[in-house]
Amino acid sequence: MENKMFCYQCQETAGCTGCTQGGVCGKHPHTAKLQDLLMYTARGLSEITTRLRAEGRPVDHAVDQLITDDLFTTITNANFDDASITDRIVQTAETARRLRAELSCQEGLSEAALWEPSGDLEEKAAQVGVLATADEDIRSLRELITYGLKGMAAYAHHVDAYGKSVPEVDAFLQSALARTRDDRLSFDDLAALTLETGRYGVRVMAALDEANTSAYGQPEITKVDIGVREAPGILVSGHDLHDLEMLLEQTQGTGVDVYTHSEMLPAHSYPGLKKYPNLVGNYGGAWWEQKEQFEAFHGPILLTTNCLVPPKQSYKDRVYTTGAVGFTGCPHIEEDARGHKDFSALIAHAKRCAPPAELERGSIVGGFAHGQVMALAGQIVEAVKSGAIRKFVVMAGCDGRARSREYYTRFAEALPKDTVILTAGCAKYRYNKLDLGDIGGIPRVLDAGQCNDSYSLAVIAMELQKAFGLEDINDLPIVYNIAWYEQKAVIVLLALLSLGVKNIHLGPTLPAFLSPNAAKLLTDTFGIAGISTVEEDLEALIG
């Protein structure tokens, strides 16, 4: 059967080989091809900006943001709106044409840097997708780097929301993106670039951590209500805390409650956000459950970033998108020149809706980012030295639909009672509502926050390394059993590898984009392994 598209950037890609007739995520083949063409155009523009920097010429930060948001737009479950993607292709190509004229020499520019939209865009897209790289191993490392850069772009986008930036990250992202289509780079060259991508991943996550904490304070241990109230509400999903803050400000005194969903749960732990009385709780669980949960919510839903599942008609009219997110037929809220977003349409919509239906009752505890955990460092070190805590198990990452992910719930339940789970990302929903108890007052599930807060887990490891006086981070009583789904998990993985962390178990399947030789590189160099059964992995990781 002829391929209508080809995409294998997420864990649930068809048959663990690639989506060829339509995306498992719900992406139409035409949309997939437009995203391929947007990536091609962004690579061309990045080649030009990299040359400009080499010539000592400045690159306007608006261009950095354009490229960053191009990549963010193509992340899994972010944007399904062909019109907005096409607009980005045209804008990116026009920017490339304008900046080409500023180069002192255009000799040797690639076709991507010279291309201008004309004719049938889908026909062009079919020529420049993933499979345009014939060599399987080169293609594998190029895509591994590209997906890491997409994750990096997502975090850079969030830094930009605060009016901040990390110029060296922008410059590296564009240089690396251009190099992913440089035929002069060998397998070894690309392997080195993969690790360099991880190092810049650490930088951007550190910058985002600083941006979040300087805006809202250090996360603190917080009990979050998972029930509902009697007022109408707005449900906020995605990852953008700045969007949430603007919504909280605008809903004050309106009689409309605000609930978080999925990756927005950690917002409740920031002093600067939980001070709002209209931030009343968390509704539901991980992103993939949203069809049933959004329907039951009754009020409008704001998607600030991925992950959006194509909405059912029964609630599609209540889904609003903003930032990099888009879906045809759903209202999109743009920011003005000052970065302000007007959420009055959501508030008015919420007032016409019934309160959310109750899904569950009770509470869950979060707020164990590095600042809070290190405040408990003395207690933790003593618990390890006394034998009360035998191991920390990092179970960060993503959740997903596949039944195979029940493994992570069973693994958490089967862990010995002298182990503590360190988590971040929506993978937490597989076990954060289990009653796993505590060890001397230290909860057995320490939730650091969103997927980008995996940086906290790295900081915790490095600080404990100092506390124990260890030369090698891998000598710590910490093991890694990480779930992945999309490209932000890729940059988190590369960041951990760049810090020297080894022997990570990754599941529920290894990425389809890893060729046998690329997988062997990760296995031989870093001890990356897949998962097997709960019993076998407990023996391998805990002993």
Protein backbone atom coordinates (compact mmCIF):
# COMPACT_ATOMS: atom_id res chain seq x y z
CA MET A 1 0.00 0.00 0.00
CA GLU A 2 1.37 3.39 -1.00
CA ASN A 3 2.37 5.67 1.85
CA LYS A 4 0.09 8.68 2.26
CA MET A 5 2.47 10.08 4.87
CA PHE A 6 5.32 8.98 7.07
CA CYS A 7 5.75 9.89 10.73
CA TYR A 8 7.37 7.96 13.57
CA GLN A 9 8.18 10.68 16.08
CA CYS A 10 5.93 9.42 18.92
CA GLN A 11 5.87 6.21 20.96
CA GLU A 12 2.47 5.11 19.66
CA THR A 13 3.42 5.24 15.99
CA ALA A 14 1.66 2.48 14.04
CA GLY A 15 3.18 -0.95 14.54
CA CYS A 16 6.20 0.71 16.19
CA THR A 17 7.46 1.37 12.67
CA GLY A 18 5.66 4.47 11.37
CA CYS A 19 2.27 5.98 10.56
CA THR A 20 1.75 5.79 6.79
CA GLN A 21 -2.02 6.12 6.18
CA GLY A 22 -2.94 8.52 8.99
CA GLY A 23 -1.50 9.42 12.36
CA VAL A 24 -2.40 7.39 15.43
CA CYS A 25 -2.56 10.84 17.04
CA GLY A 26 -5.39 11.77 14.66
CA LYS A 27 -3.20 13.71 12.22
CA HIS A 28 -4.45 13.70 8.60
CA PRO A 29 -1.87 12.80 5.91
CA HIS A 30 -2.17 16.29 4.39
CA THR A 31 -1.44 17.86 7.79
CA ALA A 32 1.56 15.55 8.24
CA LYS A 33 2.97 16.63 4.89
CA LEU A 34 2.50 20.30 5.70
CA GLN A 35 4.36 19.76 8.96
CA ASP A 36 7.19 18.11 7.02
CA LEU A 37 7.33 21.15 4.74
CA LEU A 38 7.30 23.52 7.71
CA MET A 39 10.29 21.68 9.17
CA TYR A 40 12.05 21.88 5.79
CA THR A 41 11.43 25.63 5.63
CA ALA A 42 12.56 26.12 9.24
CA ARG A 43 15.79 24.25 8.45
CA GLY A 44 16.40 26.57 5.48
CA LEU A 45 15.85 29.68 7.58
CA SER A 46 18.08 28.25 10.32
CA GLU A 47 20.87 27.77 7.80
CA ILE A 48 20.62 31.46 6.92
CA THR A 49 20.52 32.69 10.53
CA THR A 50 23.52 30.50 11.36
CA ARG A 51 25.47 32.09 8.50
CA LEU A 52 24.44 35.55 9.63
CA ARG A 53 25.77 34.87 13.12
CA ALA A 54 29.02 33.51 11.65
CA GLU A 55 29.37 36.83 9.79
CA GLY A 56 28.92 38.69 13.08
CA ARG A 57 25.48 39.99 12.13
CA PRO A 58 22.67 40.11 14.72
CA VAL A 59 19.54 37.99 14.36
CA ASP A 60 16.34 39.57 15.64
CA HIS A 61 14.80 37.61 18.50
CA ALA A 62 11.47 37.64 16.64
CA VAL A 63 13.16 35.35 14.09
CA ASP A 64 14.33 33.07 16.90
CA GLN A 65 10.76 32.91 18.17
CA LEU A 66 9.44 32.16 14.69
CA ILE A 67 11.73 29.14 14.31
CA THR A 68 11.07 27.99 17.88
CA ASP A 69 7.31 28.09 17.32
CA ASP A 70 7.66 26.36 13.93
CA LEU A 71 9.17 23.39 15.73
CA PHE A 72 6.69 23.55 18.60
CA THR A 73 3.82 23.51 16.09
CA THR A 74 4.97 20.12 14.77
CA ILE A 75 5.15 18.39 18.18
CA THR A 76 2.81 15.42 18.54
CA ASN A 77 -0.81 16.36 19.36
CA ALA A 78 -0.19 20.11 19.13
CA ASN A 79 -1.54 21.48 15.85
CA PHE A 80 -3.99 19.92 13.41
CA ASP A 81 -4.95 23.18 11.65
CA ASP A 82 -3.74 23.13 8.03
CA ALA A 83 -4.42 26.84 7.49
CA SER A 84 -2.26 27.93 10.42
CA ILE A 85 0.56 25.57 9.40
CA THR A 86 0.43 26.87 5.82
CA ASP A 87 0.60 30.45 7.12
CA ARG A 88 3.71 29.52 9.11
CA ILE A 89 5.33 27.98 6.02
CA VAL A 90 4.75 31.19 4.04
CA GLN A 91 5.92 33.44 6.90
CA THR A 92 9.07 31.36 7.45
CA ALA A 93 9.93 31.31 3.73
CA GLU A 94 9.36 35.08 3.43
CA THR A 95 11.65 35.65 6.43
CA ALA A 96 14.29 33.45 4.80
CA ARG A 97 14.06 35.46 1.57
CA ARG A 98 14.43 38.75 3.48
CA LEU A 99 17.43 37.54 5.50
CA ARG A 100 19.16 35.94 2.50
CA ALA A 101 19.57 39.43 1.10
CA GLU A 102 21.57 40.41 4.20
CA LEU A 103 24.20 37.69 3.66
CA SER A 104 27.50 38.82 2.25
CA CYS A 105 27.69 35.56 0.31
CA GLN A 106 24.88 33.17 -0.64
CA GLU A 107 27.13 30.63 -2.32
CA GLY A 108 26.58 27.06 -1.18
CA LEU A 109 23.17 27.60 0.41
CA SER A 110 21.02 24.49 0.35
CA GLU A 111 17.80 24.13 -1.59
CA ALA A 112 15.88 24.48 1.69
CA ALA A 113 17.44 27.91 2.30
CA LEU A 114 16.54 29.03 -1.24
CA TRP A 115 13.06 27.52 -1.55
CA GLU A 116 10.01 29.78 -1.88
CA PRO A 117 6.40 28.56 -1.74
CA SER A 118 4.71 28.10 -5.09
CA GLY A 119 2.51 25.54 -6.79
CA ASP A 120 1.41 22.37 -5.00
CA LEU A 121 2.79 22.46 -1.46
CA GLU A 122 1.85 18.84 -0.83
CA GLU A 123 3.87 17.71 -3.84
CA LYS A 124 6.92 19.54 -2.49
CA ALA A 125 6.29 18.16 0.99
CA ALA A 126 6.36 14.61 -0.32
CA GLN A 127 9.95 15.19 -1.47
CA VAL A 128 11.36 16.57 1.80
CA GLY A 129 9.94 14.38 4.59
CA VAL A 130 11.75 12.00 6.94
CA LEU A 131 12.35 9.35 4.27
CA ALA A 132 14.21 11.82 2.04
CA THR A 133 17.33 10.66 3.90
CA ALA A 134 18.08 7.28 2.35
CA ASP A 135 20.73 6.00 4.79
CA GLU A 136 18.86 4.42 7.73
CA ASP A 137 21.52 5.19 10.34
CA ILE A 138 22.04 8.80 9.27
CA ARG A 139 18.27 9.26 9.12
CA SER A 140 17.92 7.80 12.62
CA LEU A 141 20.38 10.18 14.27
CA ARG A 142 19.09 13.14 12.28
CA GLU A 143 15.58 12.45 13.56
CA LEU A 144 16.75 11.79 17.14
CA ILE A 145 18.43 15.22 17.10
CA THR A 146 15.43 16.85 15.42
CA TYR A 147 12.99 15.49 17.99
CA GLY A 148 15.27 16.65 20.76
CA LEU A 149 15.30 20.11 19.16
CA LYS A 150 11.49 20.09 19.03
CA GLY A 151 11.42 19.43 22.77
CA MET A 152 14.01 22.16 23.30
CA ALA A 153 11.87 24.55 21.26
CA ALA A 154 8.86 23.83 23.47
CA TYR A 155 10.79 24.82 26.58
CA ALA A 156 12.33 27.86 24.87
CA HIS A 157 8.80 28.97 23.93
CA HIS A 158 7.81 28.92 27.61
CA VAL A 159 10.89 30.96 28.56
CA ASP A 160 9.95 33.52 25.89
CA ALA A 161 6.48 33.86 27.44
CA TYR A 162 8.09 35.67 30.39
CA GLY A 163 9.89 38.12 28.13
CA LYS A 164 13.15 36.27 28.66
CA SER A 165 15.38 34.38 26.27
CA VAL A 166 18.49 32.20 26.13
CA PRO A 167 20.44 33.48 23.09
CA GLU A 168 22.96 30.63 23.11
CA VAL A 169 20.11 28.09 23.03
CA ASP A 170 18.46 29.88 20.10
CA ALA A 171 21.75 29.95 18.20
CA PHE A 172 22.48 26.29 18.91
CA LEU A 173 18.97 25.14 18.03
CA GLN A 174 19.18 26.81 14.63
CA SER A 175 22.72 25.62 13.94
CA ALA A 176 21.85 22.04 14.90
CA LEU A 177 18.62 22.11 12.89
CA ALA A 178 20.55 23.22 9.81
CA ARG A 179 23.14 20.48 10.37
CA THR A 180 20.47 17.76 10.39
CA ARG A 181 20.41 18.08 6.61
CA ASP A 182 24.16 18.51 6.08
CA ASP A 183 25.32 15.50 4.04
CA ARG A 184 28.92 16.09 5.10
CA LEU A 185 28.19 14.95 8.66
CA SER A 186 29.03 11.31 9.37
CA PHE A 187 27.33 8.95 11.83
CA ASP A 188 30.00 9.83 14.41
CA ASP A 189 29.52 13.56 13.79
CA LEU A 190 25.79 13.19 14.37
CA ALA A 191 26.38 11.11 17.50
CA ALA A 192 28.44 13.99 18.91
CA LEU A 193 25.72 16.47 17.92
CA THR A 194 23.17 14.30 19.73
CA LEU A 195 25.03 14.70 23.02
CA GLU A 196 25.55 18.40 22.40
CA THR A 197 21.79 18.70 21.94
CA GLY A 198 21.36 17.15 25.38
CA ARG A 199 23.75 19.66 26.94
CA TYR A 200 21.72 22.55 25.54
CA GLY A 201 18.59 20.78 26.71
CA VAL A 202 19.91 21.11 30.27
CA ARG A 203 20.51 24.84 29.68
CA VAL A 204 17.00 25.55 28.42
CA MET A 205 15.37 23.54 31.21
CA ALA A 206 17.46 25.43 33.77
CA ALA A 207 16.36 28.71 32.16
CA LEU A 208 12.71 27.66 32.32
CA ASP A 209 13.07 26.59 35.94
CA GLU A 210 14.50 30.03 36.74
CA ALA A 211 11.77 31.80 34.75
CA ASN A 212 8.97 29.88 36.49
CA THR A 213 10.38 30.24 40.00
CA SER A 214 11.28 33.93 39.62
CA ALA A 215 7.70 34.59 38.49
CA TYR A 216 5.81 32.39 40.96
CA GLY A 217 8.23 31.34 43.71
CA GLN A 218 9.70 27.94 44.52
CA PRO A 219 7.15 25.10 44.38
CA GLU A 220 6.14 23.89 47.83
CA ILE A 221 4.43 20.78 49.14
CA THR A 222 0.74 21.25 48.30
CA LYS A 223 -2.39 19.15 48.65
CA VAL A 224 -4.56 19.54 45.53
CA ASP A 225 -8.32 18.92 45.55
CA ILE A 226 -9.50 16.54 42.80
CA GLY A 227 -13.21 17.03 43.41
CA VAL A 228 -15.51 19.71 41.96
CA ARG A 229 -17.40 22.76 43.18
CA GLU A 230 -20.84 24.12 42.33
CA ALA A 231 -19.80 27.07 40.16
CA PRO A 232 -19.22 26.90 36.40
CA GLY A 233 -15.60 26.40 35.43
CA ILE A 234 -12.85 26.66 32.85
CA LEU A 235 -10.47 23.72 32.42
CA VAL A 236 -6.84 24.49 31.47
CA SER A 237 -4.64 21.83 29.89
CA GLY A 238 -1.16 21.86 28.39
CA HIS A 239 1.95 23.29 30.08
CA ASP A 240 1.93 27.10 29.87
CA LEU A 241 1.88 28.59 33.37
CA HIS A 242 1.96 32.13 32.00
CA ASP A 243 -1.30 31.55 30.11
CA LEU A 244 -2.83 30.14 33.29
CA GLU A 245 -1.77 33.21 35.26
CA MET A 246 -3.45 35.55 32.76
CA LEU A 247 -6.63 33.48 32.90
CA LEU A 248 -6.64 33.47 36.71
CA GLU A 249 -6.30 37.24 36.78
CA GLN A 250 -9.16 37.70 34.32
CA THR A 251 -11.53 35.27 36.06
CA GLN A 252 -11.21 36.80 39.52
CA GLY A 253 -14.60 37.93 40.81
CA THR A 254 -16.49 36.53 37.82
CA GLY A 255 -17.99 33.54 39.63
CA VAL A 256 -16.07 31.18 37.32
CA ASP A 257 -13.72 28.59 38.81
CA VAL A 258 -10.51 27.47 37.12
CA TYR A 259 -9.38 23.83 37.15
CA THR A 260 -6.13 22.34 35.89
CA HIS A 261 -5.87 19.21 33.78
CA SER A 262 -3.02 16.76 33.13
CA GLU A 263 0.38 18.54 32.96
CA MET A 264 -1.05 21.73 34.51
CA LEU A 265 -1.49 20.00 37.89
CA PRO A 266 1.91 21.29 39.21
CA ALA A 267 0.66 24.89 38.92
CA HIS A 268 -1.02 24.42 42.31
CA SER A 269 2.39 24.14 44.00
CA TYR A 270 3.64 27.61 43.01
CA PRO A 271 2.91 30.28 45.68
CA GLY A 272 2.33 32.89 42.96
CA LEU A 273 -0.41 30.81 41.36
CA LYS A 274 -2.07 29.05 44.28
CA LYS A 275 -2.74 32.45 45.87
CA TYR A 276 -5.66 32.82 43.46
CA PRO A 277 -8.83 31.59 45.21
CA ASN A 278 -10.41 30.84 41.82
CA LEU A 279 -7.78 28.13 41.15
CA VAL A 280 -9.86 25.44 42.82
CA GLY A 281 -8.45 22.03 41.89
CA ASN A 282 -7.32 19.49 39.31
CA TYR A 283 -9.83 17.70 37.10
CA GLY A 284 -9.18 14.28 35.62
CA GLY A 285 -5.90 12.67 34.71
CA ALA A 286 -3.50 12.29 31.81
CA TRP A 287 -3.96 13.89 28.38
CA TRP A 288 -5.16 10.76 26.58
CA GLU A 289 -8.26 10.51 28.79
CA GLN A 290 -9.52 13.92 27.71
CA LYS A 291 -12.37 12.81 25.43
CA GLU A 292 -14.42 11.49 28.33
CA GLN A 293 -13.14 14.06 30.83
CA PHE A 294 -13.66 17.11 28.59
CA GLU A 295 -17.19 15.96 27.86
CA ALA A 296 -17.95 15.59 31.57
CA PHE A 297 -16.48 18.97 32.44
CA HIS A 298 -19.37 20.84 30.77
CA GLY A 299 -17.47 24.15 30.57
CA PRO A 300 -14.90 25.54 28.11
CA ILE A 301 -11.42 24.03 27.86
CA LEU A 302 -8.26 26.00 27.10
CA LEU A 303 -5.39 24.11 25.41
CA THR A 304 -2.20 26.08 26.03
CA THR A 305 0.18 23.52 24.45
CA ASN A 306 0.07 19.90 23.40
CA CYS A 307 -1.43 17.40 24.06
CA LEU A 308 -4.73 17.88 22.21
CA VAL A 309 -6.70 14.82 21.11
CA PRO A 310 -8.95 15.65 18.12
CA PRO A 311 -12.13 16.68 19.93
CA LYS A 312 -15.50 14.97 19.67
CA GLN A 313 -18.32 16.99 18.13
CA SER A 314 -20.17 16.83 21.44
CA TYR A 315 -17.70 19.24 23.07
CA LYS A 316 -15.65 20.66 20.17
CA ASP A 317 -17.46 24.00 20.48
CA ARG A 318 -16.04 24.30 24.02
CA VAL A 319 -12.39 23.80 23.04
CA TYR A 320 -10.26 26.94 22.71
CA THR A 321 -6.63 26.89 21.59
CA THR A 322 -3.74 29.30 22.01
CA GLY A 323 -0.01 29.48 21.29
CA ALA A 324 1.28 26.65 19.11
CA VAL A 325 -1.95 24.64 19.43
CA GLY A 326 -4.56 24.60 16.70
CA PHE A 327 -7.51 22.59 15.46
CA THR A 328 -9.73 23.49 12.54
CA GLY A 329 -13.03 24.89 13.79
CA CYS A 330 -11.85 25.62 17.34
CA PRO A 331 -11.48 29.31 18.33
CA HIS A 332 -7.84 30.37 18.62
CA ILE A 333 -6.81 33.09 21.07
CA GLU A 334 -3.90 35.21 19.86
CA GLU A 335 -1.70 37.44 21.97
CA ASP A 336 -1.42 41.14 21.29
CA ALA A 337 1.80 43.09 20.72
CA ARG A 338 2.41 43.17 24.49
CA GLY A 339 1.96 39.42 24.89
CA HIS A 340 -1.46 39.83 26.53
CA LYS A 341 -4.30 37.40 25.78
CA ASP A 342 -7.97 38.27 26.15
CA PHE A 343 -9.88 35.34 27.65
CA SER A 344 -13.24 37.14 27.92
CA ALA A 345 -14.81 34.76 25.37
CA LEU A 346 -13.99 31.76 27.59
CA ILE A 347 -15.32 33.47 30.69
CA ALA A 348 -18.59 34.40 28.95
CA HIS A 349 -18.84 30.86 27.60
CA ALA A 350 -18.26 29.36 31.04
CA LYS A 351 -21.09 31.41 32.53
CA ARG A 352 -23.51 29.73 30.10
CA CYS A 353 -22.42 26.23 31.15
CA ALA A 354 -23.32 23.88 33.97
CA PRO A 355 -20.73 23.11 36.68
CA PRO A 356 -18.41 20.16 35.97
CA ALA A 357 -19.60 16.63 36.69
CA GLU A 358 -17.77 14.96 39.55
CA LEU A 359 -15.23 12.35 38.46
CA GLU A 360 -13.62 11.61 41.82
CA ARG A 361 -13.07 12.96 45.31
CA GLY A 362 -10.07 13.47 47.50
CA SER A 363 -6.69 15.08 46.99
CA ILE A 364 -3.19 14.43 45.69
CA VAL A 365 0.09 15.90 46.89
CA GLY A 366 2.72 17.59 44.73
CA GLY A 367 5.36 20.27 44.92
CA PHE A 368 8.52 18.18 45.27
CA ALA A 369 10.70 20.20 42.90
CA HIS A 370 14.42 20.43 43.68
CA GLY A 371 14.08 23.37 46.08
CA GLN A 372 11.58 21.56 48.27
CA VAL A 373 13.36 18.20 48.13
CA MET A 374 16.71 19.73 49.00
CA ALA A 375 15.08 21.40 52.00
CA LEU A 376 14.53 17.82 53.15
CA ALA A 377 18.06 16.76 52.15
CA GLY A 378 19.26 16.08 55.68
CA GLN A 379 16.27 13.89 56.39
CA ILE A 380 16.66 12.07 53.06
CA VAL A 381 20.41 11.47 53.46
CA GLU A 382 19.88 10.11 56.96
CA ALA A 383 17.10 7.82 55.72
CA VAL A 384 19.44 6.42 53.06
CA LYS A 385 22.34 5.98 55.50
CA SER A 386 20.10 4.23 58.02
CA GLY A 387 18.73 1.89 55.36
CA ALA A 388 15.18 3.22 55.65
CA ILE A 389 15.38 4.23 51.99
CA ARG A 390 17.11 1.63 49.82
CA LYS A 391 16.61 3.16 46.39
CA PHE A 392 15.06 6.10 44.57
CA VAL A 393 13.30 5.11 41.36
CA VAL A 394 12.92 7.81 38.71
CA MET A 395 9.63 7.11 36.93
CA ALA A 396 9.31 10.37 35.02
CA GLY A 397 8.05 10.95 31.50
CA CYS A 398 4.84 10.62 29.56
CA ASP A 399 1.61 8.68 29.74
CA GLY A 400 -0.30 7.28 26.78
CA ARG A 401 -3.24 5.18 25.69
CA ALA A 402 -1.54 1.84 25.16
CA ARG A 403 -2.58 -0.94 27.55
CA SER A 404 1.09 -1.82 27.89
CA ARG A 405 1.44 1.31 30.07
CA GLU A 406 -0.43 -0.49 32.84
CA TYR A 407 3.04 -1.92 33.45
CA TYR A 408 4.02 1.33 35.21
CA THR A 409 1.13 1.09 37.68
CA ARG A 410 1.98 -2.53 38.45
CA PHE A 411 5.69 -1.66 38.75
CA ALA A 412 4.93 1.13 41.24
CA GLU A 413 2.67 -1.14 43.27
CA ALA A 414 5.29 -3.90 43.33
CA LEU A 415 8.20 -1.71 44.42
CA PRO A 416 9.55 -2.61 47.88
CA LYS A 417 8.30 -0.33 50.65
CA ASP A 418 11.82 0.98 51.25
CA THR A 419 11.91 2.66 47.82
CA VAL A 420 10.80 6.17 46.83
CA ILE A 421 9.49 7.19 43.39
CA LEU A 422 10.78 10.43 41.87
CA THR A 423 8.46 11.57 39.09
CA ALA A 424 7.69 14.42 36.71
CA GLY A 425 5.46 14.64 33.67
CA CYS A 426 2.08 13.04 33.05
CA ALA A 427 3.50 9.53 33.65
CA LYS A 428 2.64 10.28 37.29
CA TYR A 429 -1.04 9.60 36.64
CA ARG A 430 -0.28 5.89 36.49
CA TYR A 431 0.49 5.87 40.23
CA ASN A 432 0.04 9.28 41.90
CA LYS A 433 -3.38 8.34 43.27
CA LEU A 434 -2.21 5.04 44.76
CA ASP A 435 -1.84 4.82 48.53
CA LEU A 436 1.86 3.96 48.67
CA GLY A 437 2.46 5.49 52.10
CA ASP A 438 5.63 7.19 53.31
CA ILE A 439 9.03 6.46 54.83
CA GLY A 440 9.54 8.36 58.05
CA GLY A 441 7.28 11.15 56.82
CA ILE A 442 8.82 11.24 53.32
CA PRO A 443 6.08 10.37 50.79
CA ARG A 444 6.92 7.41 48.56
CA VAL A 445 5.91 9.43 45.49
CA LEU A 446 7.77 12.73 45.14
CA ASP A 447 6.23 14.66 42.23
CA ALA A 448 8.56 17.34 40.84
CA GLY A 449 6.02 18.70 38.35
CA GLN A 450 5.74 18.90 34.57
CA CYS A 451 7.91 17.05 32.04
CA ASN A 452 10.27 20.05 31.89
CA ASP A 453 10.66 19.69 35.65
CA SER A 454 12.63 16.53 35.00
CA TYR A 455 15.42 19.08 35.35
CA SER A 456 14.55 19.06 39.06
CA LEU A 457 15.24 15.33 39.17
CA ALA A 458 18.68 15.93 37.64
CA VAL A 459 19.41 18.70 40.17
CA ILE A 460 18.28 16.45 43.02
CA ALA A 461 20.63 13.71 41.80
CA MET A 462 23.58 16.10 41.49
CA GLU A 463 22.93 17.59 44.94
CA LEU A 464 22.68 14.14 46.52
CA GLN A 465 25.91 13.21 44.76
CA LYS A 466 27.57 16.11 46.58
CA ALA A 467 25.89 15.21 49.88
CA PHE A 468 27.22 11.66 49.69
CA GLY A 469 30.63 12.75 48.38
CA LEU A 470 30.43 10.51 45.31
CA GLU A 471 32.62 10.89 42.25
CA ASP A 472 30.14 9.30 39.84
CA ILE A 473 26.46 10.21 39.65
CA ASN A 474 25.74 6.59 38.77
CA ASP A 475 26.96 5.46 42.21
CA LEU A 476 23.89 7.03 43.80
CA PRO A 477 21.06 4.74 44.99
CA ILE A 478 18.96 6.02 42.06
CA VAL A 479 17.64 3.91 39.17
CA TYR A 480 15.69 5.04 36.11
CA ASN A 481 12.56 3.46 34.61
CA ILE A 482 11.22 6.17 32.33
CA ALA A 483 8.16 6.21 30.08
CA TRP A 484 8.20 8.31 26.92
CA TYR A 485 5.65 9.45 24.36
CA GLU A 486 6.68 12.56 22.45
CA GLN A 487 9.52 14.91 21.70
CA LYS A 488 9.83 16.72 25.02
CA ALA A 489 10.64 13.35 26.53
CA VAL A 490 13.39 13.01 23.92
CA ILE A 491 15.15 16.20 25.04
CA VAL A 492 14.79 15.12 28.68
CA LEU A 493 16.45 11.79 27.83
CA LEU A 494 19.28 13.49 25.91
CA ALA A 495 19.76 15.93 28.80
CA LEU A 496 20.15 13.06 31.28
CA LEU A 497 22.63 11.32 28.98
CA SER A 498 24.65 14.52 28.64
CA LEU A 499 24.92 14.64 32.45
CA GLY A 500 26.44 11.15 32.43
CA VAL A 501 23.40 9.23 33.68
CA LYS A 502 23.56 5.59 32.55
CA ASN A 503 21.48 2.42 32.56
CA ILE A 504 18.13 4.10 31.92
CA HIS A 505 15.25 1.74 31.17
CA LEU A 506 12.98 3.29 28.54
CA GLY A 507 9.51 2.12 27.57
CA PRO A 508 6.96 0.92 26.91
CA THR A 509 8.81 0.49 23.59
CA LEU A 510 12.09 1.85 22.33
CA PRO A 511 11.65 4.60 19.71
CA ALA A 512 10.81 3.43 16.21
CA PHE A 513 13.17 6.07 14.84
CA LEU A 514 16.21 4.30 16.32
CA SER A 515 17.93 2.18 13.70
CA PRO A 516 19.71 -0.96 14.98
CA ASN A 517 23.05 0.85 14.85
CA ALA A 518 21.71 3.98 16.58
CA ALA A 519 20.13 1.81 19.28
CA LYS A 520 23.43 -0.06 19.68
CA LEU A 521 25.23 3.26 20.12
CA LEU A 522 22.91 4.20 23.01
CA THR A 523 23.07 0.74 24.51
CA ASP A 524 26.86 0.38 24.34
CA THR A 525 27.63 3.93 25.45
CA PHE A 526 24.93 4.59 28.02
CA GLY A 527 23.39 1.23 28.88
CA ILE A 528 19.95 2.25 27.56
CA ALA A 529 17.55 -0.70 27.78
CA GLY A 530 13.92 -1.41 27.14
CA ILE A 531 11.47 -2.81 29.66
CA SER A 532 10.43 -6.44 30.07
CA THR A 533 8.18 -7.80 32.83
CA VAL A 534 7.61 -6.11 36.17
CA GLU A 535 9.30 -9.01 37.95
CA GLU A 536 12.37 -9.05 35.71
CA ASP A 537 12.78 -5.28 35.85
CA LEU A 538 12.42 -5.19 39.62
CA GLU A 539 15.21 -7.74 39.87
CA ALA A 540 17.40 -5.81 37.42
CA LEU A 541 16.82 -2.37 38.93
CA ILE A 542 16.24 -3.04 42.63
CA GLY A 543 17.84 -6.43 43.18
